[in-house]
Amino acid sequence: MAKERQKKYDSVTHYLTTNGGSQVTLTFTQFDELLFPHSGLPKTARTDIDWWANDHKHPEKGAYGWLNAGYQVAQVNIEKEYIVFNKLLKSNWIF
């Protein structure tokens, strides 16, 4: 089951890795069309802001899809249906 889930979010990682700048904004519709063309965005992602938490401990949610690409969710707007991802700065505490 974990393998299947992992594959499900590989498209998120791939998209952000190949198309991402320092900030990426995606609508829920873009997420559906680009990343989940067969299954659609999980219903909980459209209603529960916690689904978008930057938490790799819950692989049933999408977090490691963007964390693996080096991004974190900066903003979620459930009402207007969009997400803003920011690129993680790898060396933000190294001088």
Protein backbone atom coordinates (compact mmCIF):
# COMPACT_ATOMS: atom_id res chain seq x y z
CA MET A 1 0.00 0.00 0.00
CA ALA A 2 2.78 2.47 0.87
CA LYS A 3 4.45 1.83 -2.51
CA GLU A 4 1.24 2.62 -4.34
CA ARG A 5 0.76 5.83 -2.38
CA GLN A 6 4.35 6.81 -3.00
CA LYS A 7 3.84 6.50 -6.76
CA LYS A 8 0.64 8.52 -6.53
CA TYR A 9 2.55 11.60 -5.35
CA ASP A 10 5.62 11.13 -7.57
CA SER A 11 3.92 13.34 -10.16
CA VAL A 12 3.85 16.20 -7.63
CA THR A 13 7.59 15.80 -7.02
CA HIS A 14 8.31 15.60 -10.73
CA TYR A 15 6.17 18.63 -11.59
CA LEU A 16 7.75 20.87 -8.96
CA THR A 17 11.27 19.68 -9.76
CA THR A 18 10.91 20.39 -13.48
CA ASN A 19 8.63 23.45 -13.43
CA GLY A 20 9.29 25.15 -10.16
CA GLY A 21 10.92 28.47 -9.49
CA SER A 22 11.30 29.96 -6.04
CA GLN A 23 7.50 30.02 -5.73
CA VAL A 24 4.83 27.93 -7.45
CA THR A 25 1.10 28.55 -7.29
CA LEU A 26 -1.30 25.81 -8.35
CA THR A 27 -5.08 25.78 -8.33
CA PHE A 28 -6.93 22.68 -7.20
CA THR A 29 -8.06 22.24 -10.82
CA GLN A 30 -4.45 22.30 -12.05
CA PHE A 31 -3.58 19.77 -9.37
CA ASP A 32 -6.39 17.54 -10.66
CA GLU A 33 -5.46 17.86 -14.33
CA LEU A 34 -1.68 17.78 -14.06
CA LEU A 35 -1.04 15.57 -11.10
CA PHE A 36 -4.05 13.34 -10.51
CA PRO A 37 -5.64 12.88 -13.94
CA HIS A 38 -7.04 9.45 -13.04
CA SER A 39 -8.12 9.85 -9.45
CA GLY A 40 -8.49 13.59 -8.92
CA LEU A 41 -7.30 15.47 -5.87
CA PRO A 42 -8.42 13.66 -2.69
CA LYS A 43 -11.69 15.11 -1.35
CA THR A 44 -10.07 15.85 2.02
CA ALA A 45 -7.52 18.09 0.27
CA ARG A 46 -10.39 20.33 -0.87
CA THR A 47 -11.92 20.69 2.59
CA ASP A 48 -9.22 20.06 5.20
CA ILE A 49 -6.30 22.47 5.45
CA ASP A 50 -4.40 19.85 7.47
CA TRP A 51 -4.04 17.74 4.31
CA TRP A 52 -1.58 20.39 3.09
CA ALA A 53 0.58 20.34 6.23
CA ASN A 54 4.32 20.02 5.56
CA ASP A 55 4.42 16.71 7.42
CA HIS A 56 6.33 13.76 5.97
CA LYS A 57 5.08 11.47 8.76
CA HIS A 58 1.70 11.07 7.06
CA PRO A 59 2.36 9.61 3.59
CA GLU A 60 -1.37 9.23 2.99
CA LYS A 61 -1.37 12.98 2.53
CA GLY A 62 0.59 14.67 -0.23
CA ALA A 63 3.36 16.31 1.80
CA TYR A 64 6.32 14.25 0.80
CA GLY A 65 5.39 14.84 -2.84
CA TRP A 66 6.41 18.47 -2.46
CA LEU A 67 8.95 17.96 0.33
CA ASN A 68 10.90 15.53 -1.88
CA ALA A 69 11.04 18.23 -4.55
CA GLY A 70 12.46 20.70 -2.02
CA TYR A 71 9.28 22.72 -1.54
CA GLN A 72 6.97 23.52 1.32
CA VAL A 73 3.40 24.77 1.35
CA ALA A 74 3.46 28.48 2.15
CA GLN A 75 -0.24 29.22 1.73
CA VAL A 76 -3.47 27.28 1.22
CA ASN A 77 -6.73 28.92 0.27
CA ILE A 78 -9.53 26.34 0.54
CA GLU A 79 -12.19 28.90 -0.41
CA LYS A 80 -10.46 30.10 -3.59
CA GLU A 81 -8.93 26.66 -4.20
CA TYR A 82 -5.24 27.32 -4.64
CA ILE A 83 -1.92 26.43 -3.00
CA VAL A 84 1.35 28.37 -2.93
CA PHE A 85 4.59 26.41 -2.62
CA ASN A 86 7.92 28.02 -1.71
CA LYS A 87 11.27 26.45 -2.51
CA LEU A 88 13.08 25.40 0.64
CA LEU A 89 16.39 27.13 1.17
CA LYS A 90 18.84 24.34 1.83
CA SER A 91 21.42 26.45 3.61
CA ASN A 92 19.38 29.04 5.44
CA TRP A 93 21.24 28.52 8.73
CA ILE A 94 24.76 27.84 7.45
CA PHE A 95 27.02 30.90 7.43
